[in-house]
């Protein structure tokens, strides 16, 4: 059986670089998803927030995280300049309502 790949461009992007993109391949898990994050914004270290909580601190361009186990659900994602006060000011990029389905093996990309 070949994996089904789904590509979603998240709505609500802020900034010229575009919105985070979620690429998902079905996997097996009851209420969680496996998520990796790829930083594709050149020359801009960032802090990554999910639902208002810092998920990744001082994320460097060109970096791919190790897989993270996250609860399935809807996430509001935002990128702020690295080491800025906690989620203060306007995000460099944001996307609200990004669906992370249970059992997914996904990569979130900030292009």
C-alpha atoms as a PDB file:
ATOM      1  CA  UNK A   1       0.000   0.000   0.000  1.00  0.00           C
ATOM      2  CA  UNK A   2       1.496   3.354  -0.965  1.00  0.00           C
ATOM      3  CA  UNK A   3       1.292   6.210   1.531  1.00  0.00           C
ATOM      4  CA  UNK A   4      -1.153   8.978   0.788  1.00  0.00           C
ATOM      5  CA  UNK A   5       0.420  12.397   1.024  1.00  0.00           C
ATOM      6  CA  UNK A   6      -1.619  15.447   1.789  1.00  0.00           C
ATOM      7  CA  UNK A   7      -0.305  18.958   1.400  1.00  0.00           C
ATOM      8  CA  UNK A   8      -2.078  21.817   3.106  1.00  0.00           C
ATOM      9  CA  UNK A   9      -1.178  25.467   2.828  1.00  0.00           C
ATOM     10  CA  UNK A  10      -2.192  26.946   6.142  1.00  0.00           C
ATOM     11  CA  UNK A  11      -4.400  30.018   6.025  1.00  0.00           C
ATOM     12  CA  UNK A  12      -3.641  33.284   7.775  1.00  0.00           C
ATOM     13  CA  UNK A  13      -0.011  33.795   6.768  1.00  0.00           C
ATOM     14  CA  UNK A  14       1.716  36.997   7.765  1.00  0.00           C
ATOM     15  CA  UNK A  15       4.847  38.111   5.950  1.00  0.00           C
ATOM     16  CA  UNK A  16       6.356  37.821   2.506  1.00  0.00           C
ATOM     17  CA  UNK A  17       7.898  34.383   3.027  1.00  0.00           C
ATOM     18  CA  UNK A  18       4.528  32.571   3.008  1.00  0.00           C
ATOM     19  CA  UNK A  19       2.714  30.401   5.517  1.00  0.00           C
ATOM     20  CA  UNK A  20       3.758  27.246   7.279  1.00  0.00           C
ATOM     21  CA  UNK A  21       2.844  24.198   5.228  1.00  0.00           C
ATOM     22  CA  UNK A  22       1.755  20.876   6.713  1.00  0.00           C
ATOM     23  CA  UNK A  23       2.691  17.727   4.820  1.00  0.00           C
ATOM     24  CA  UNK A  24       1.106  14.631   6.321  1.00  0.00           C
ATOM     25  CA  UNK A  25       1.415  10.910   5.767  1.00  0.00           C
ATOM     26  CA  UNK A  26      -0.957   8.622   7.669  1.00  0.00           C
ATOM     27  CA  UNK A  27       0.709   6.694  10.504  1.00  0.00           C
ATOM     28  CA  UNK A  28      -0.521   4.722  13.479  1.00  0.00           C
ATOM     29  CA  UNK A  29      -1.329   6.334  16.824  1.00  0.00           C
ATOM     30  CA  UNK A  30      -4.500   6.717  18.830  1.00  0.00           C
ATOM     31  CA  UNK A  31      -4.595  10.351  19.933  1.00  0.00           C
ATOM     32  CA  UNK A  32      -1.216  11.731  18.932  1.00  0.00           C
ATOM     33  CA  UNK A  33       0.674  12.736  15.822  1.00  0.00           C
ATOM     34  CA  UNK A  34       4.367  12.671  15.025  1.00  0.00           C
ATOM     35  CA  UNK A  35       5.446  16.109  13.824  1.00  0.00           C
ATOM     36  CA  UNK A  36       8.796  17.370  12.561  1.00  0.00           C
ATOM     37  CA  UNK A  37       9.457  21.033  11.809  1.00  0.00           C
ATOM     38  CA  UNK A  38      11.678  22.305   8.983  1.00  0.00           C
ATOM     39  CA  UNK A  39      12.963  25.888   9.130  1.00  0.00           C
ATOM     40  CA  UNK A  40      13.192  27.199   5.570  1.00  0.00           C
ATOM     41  CA  UNK A  41      13.256  30.964   6.221  1.00  0.00           C
ATOM     42  CA  UNK A  42      16.793  32.111   5.323  1.00  0.00           C
ATOM     43  CA  UNK A  43      18.909  34.204   7.703  1.00  0.00           C
ATOM     44  CA  UNK A  44      16.227  34.352  10.404  1.00  0.00           C
ATOM     45  CA  UNK A  45      16.503  32.374  13.644  1.00  0.00           C
ATOM     46  CA  UNK A  46      13.032  32.089  15.197  1.00  0.00           C
ATOM     47  CA  UNK A  47      11.093  30.837  18.185  1.00  0.00           C
ATOM     48  CA  UNK A  48       8.190  28.580  17.153  1.00  0.00           C
ATOM     49  CA  UNK A  49       4.919  28.819  19.074  1.00  0.00           C
ATOM     50  CA  UNK A  50       1.945  26.460  18.985  1.00  0.00           C
ATOM     51  CA  UNK A  51      -1.283  27.620  20.635  1.00  0.00           C
ATOM     52  CA  UNK A  52       0.588  30.387  22.444  1.00  0.00           C
ATOM     53  CA  UNK A  53       3.248  28.115  23.973  1.00  0.00           C
ATOM     54  CA  UNK A  54       6.878  28.101  22.850  1.00  0.00           C
ATOM     55  CA  UNK A  55       7.492  24.778  21.102  1.00  0.00           C
ATOM     56  CA  UNK A  56      10.998  25.403  19.703  1.00  0.00           C
ATOM     57  CA  UNK A  57      13.490  27.965  21.031  1.00  0.00           C
ATOM     58  CA  UNK A  58      16.125  29.673  18.846  1.00  0.00           C
ATOM     59  CA  UNK A  59      15.334  27.567  15.745  1.00  0.00           C
ATOM     60  CA  UNK A  60      18.088  28.025  13.154  1.00  0.00           C
ATOM     61  CA  UNK A  61      17.519  28.260   9.356  1.00  0.00           C
ATOM     62  CA  UNK A  62      17.938  24.980   7.484  1.00  0.00           C
ATOM     63  CA  UNK A  63      17.261  22.902  10.599  1.00  0.00           C
ATOM     64  CA  UNK A  64      14.892  19.912  10.803  1.00  0.00           C
ATOM     65  CA  UNK A  65      13.746  18.930  14.301  1.00  0.00           C
ATOM     66  CA  UNK A  66      13.670  15.415  15.615  1.00  0.00           C
ATOM     67  CA  UNK A  67      10.114  14.051  15.521  1.00  0.00           C
ATOM     68  CA  UNK A  68       7.854  15.491  18.232  1.00  0.00           C
ATOM     69  CA  UNK A  69       4.868  13.617  19.674  1.00  0.00           C
ATOM     70  CA  UNK A  70       1.956  16.064  19.856  1.00  0.00           C
ATOM     71  CA  UNK A  71      -1.694  15.629  20.762  1.00  0.00           C
ATOM     72  CA  UNK A  72      -3.905  15.546  17.674  1.00  0.00           C
ATOM     73  CA  UNK A  73      -5.969  18.679  17.185  1.00  0.00           C
ATOM     74  CA  UNK A  74      -6.009  22.178  15.792  1.00  0.00           C
ATOM     75  CA  UNK A  75      -2.974  24.403  16.243  1.00  0.00           C
ATOM     76  CA  UNK A  76      -2.385  28.131  15.897  1.00  0.00           C
ATOM     77  CA  UNK A  77       1.244  28.417  14.769  1.00  0.00           C
ATOM     78  CA  UNK A  78       3.450  31.504  14.950  1.00  0.00           C
ATOM     79  CA  UNK A  79       7.097  32.346  14.322  1.00  0.00           C
ATOM     80  CA  UNK A  80       8.719  35.175  16.296  1.00  0.00           C
ATOM     81  CA  UNK A  81      12.280  36.494  16.140  1.00  0.00           C
ATOM     82  CA  UNK A  82      14.516  34.259  18.253  1.00  0.00           C
ATOM     83  CA  UNK A  83      14.727  35.250  21.897  1.00  0.00           C
ATOM     84  CA  UNK A  84      12.076  37.965  21.597  1.00  0.00           C
ATOM     85  CA  UNK A  85       9.989  38.373  24.752  1.00  0.00           C
ATOM     86  CA  UNK A  86       7.460  35.519  24.896  1.00  0.00           C
ATOM     87  CA  UNK A  87       5.179  35.866  21.849  1.00  0.00           C
ATOM     88  CA  UNK A  88       5.237  39.649  22.038  1.00  0.00           C
ATOM     89  CA  UNK A  89       4.592  41.902  19.078  1.00  0.00           C
ATOM     90  CA  UNK A  90       3.575  40.710  15.647  1.00  0.00           C
ATOM     91  CA  UNK A  91       4.735  37.287  14.468  1.00  0.00           C
ATOM     92  CA  UNK A  92       6.970  37.025  11.413  1.00  0.00           C
ATOM     93  CA  UNK A  93       4.614  34.294  10.108  1.00  0.00           C
ATOM     94  CA  UNK A  94       1.455  32.778  11.504  1.00  0.00           C
ATOM     95  CA  UNK A  95      -1.231  30.281  10.592  1.00  0.00           C
ATOM     96  CA  UNK A  96      -4.349  29.599  12.634  1.00  0.00           C
ATOM     97  CA  UNK A  97      -6.337  26.390  12.737  1.00  0.00           C
ATOM     98  CA  UNK A  98      -3.704  24.040  11.306  1.00  0.00           C
ATOM     99  CA  UNK A  99      -5.188  20.543  11.639  1.00  0.00           C
ATOM    100  CA  UNK A 100      -2.914  17.815  12.984  1.00  0.00           C
ATOM    101  CA  UNK A 101      -4.874  14.555  12.675  1.00  0.00           C
ATOM    102  CA  UNK A 102      -4.469  11.638  15.069  1.00  0.00           C
ATOM    103  CA  UNK A 103      -1.987   9.105  13.752  1.00  0.00           C
ATOM    104  CA  UNK A 104      -0.381  11.525  11.293  1.00  0.00           C
ATOM    105  CA  UNK A 105       3.334  11.605  10.586  1.00  0.00           C
ATOM    106  CA  UNK A 106       3.727  15.232   9.494  1.00  0.00           C
ATOM    107  CA  UNK A 107       6.336  17.799   8.616  1.00  0.00           C
ATOM    108  CA  UNK A 108       5.575  21.486   9.117  1.00  0.00           C
ATOM    109  CA  UNK A 109       7.605  23.690   6.779  1.00  0.00           C
ATOM    110  CA  UNK A 110       8.099  27.444   7.057  1.00  0.00           C
ATOM    111  CA  UNK A 111       9.018  28.327   3.447  1.00  0.00           C
END
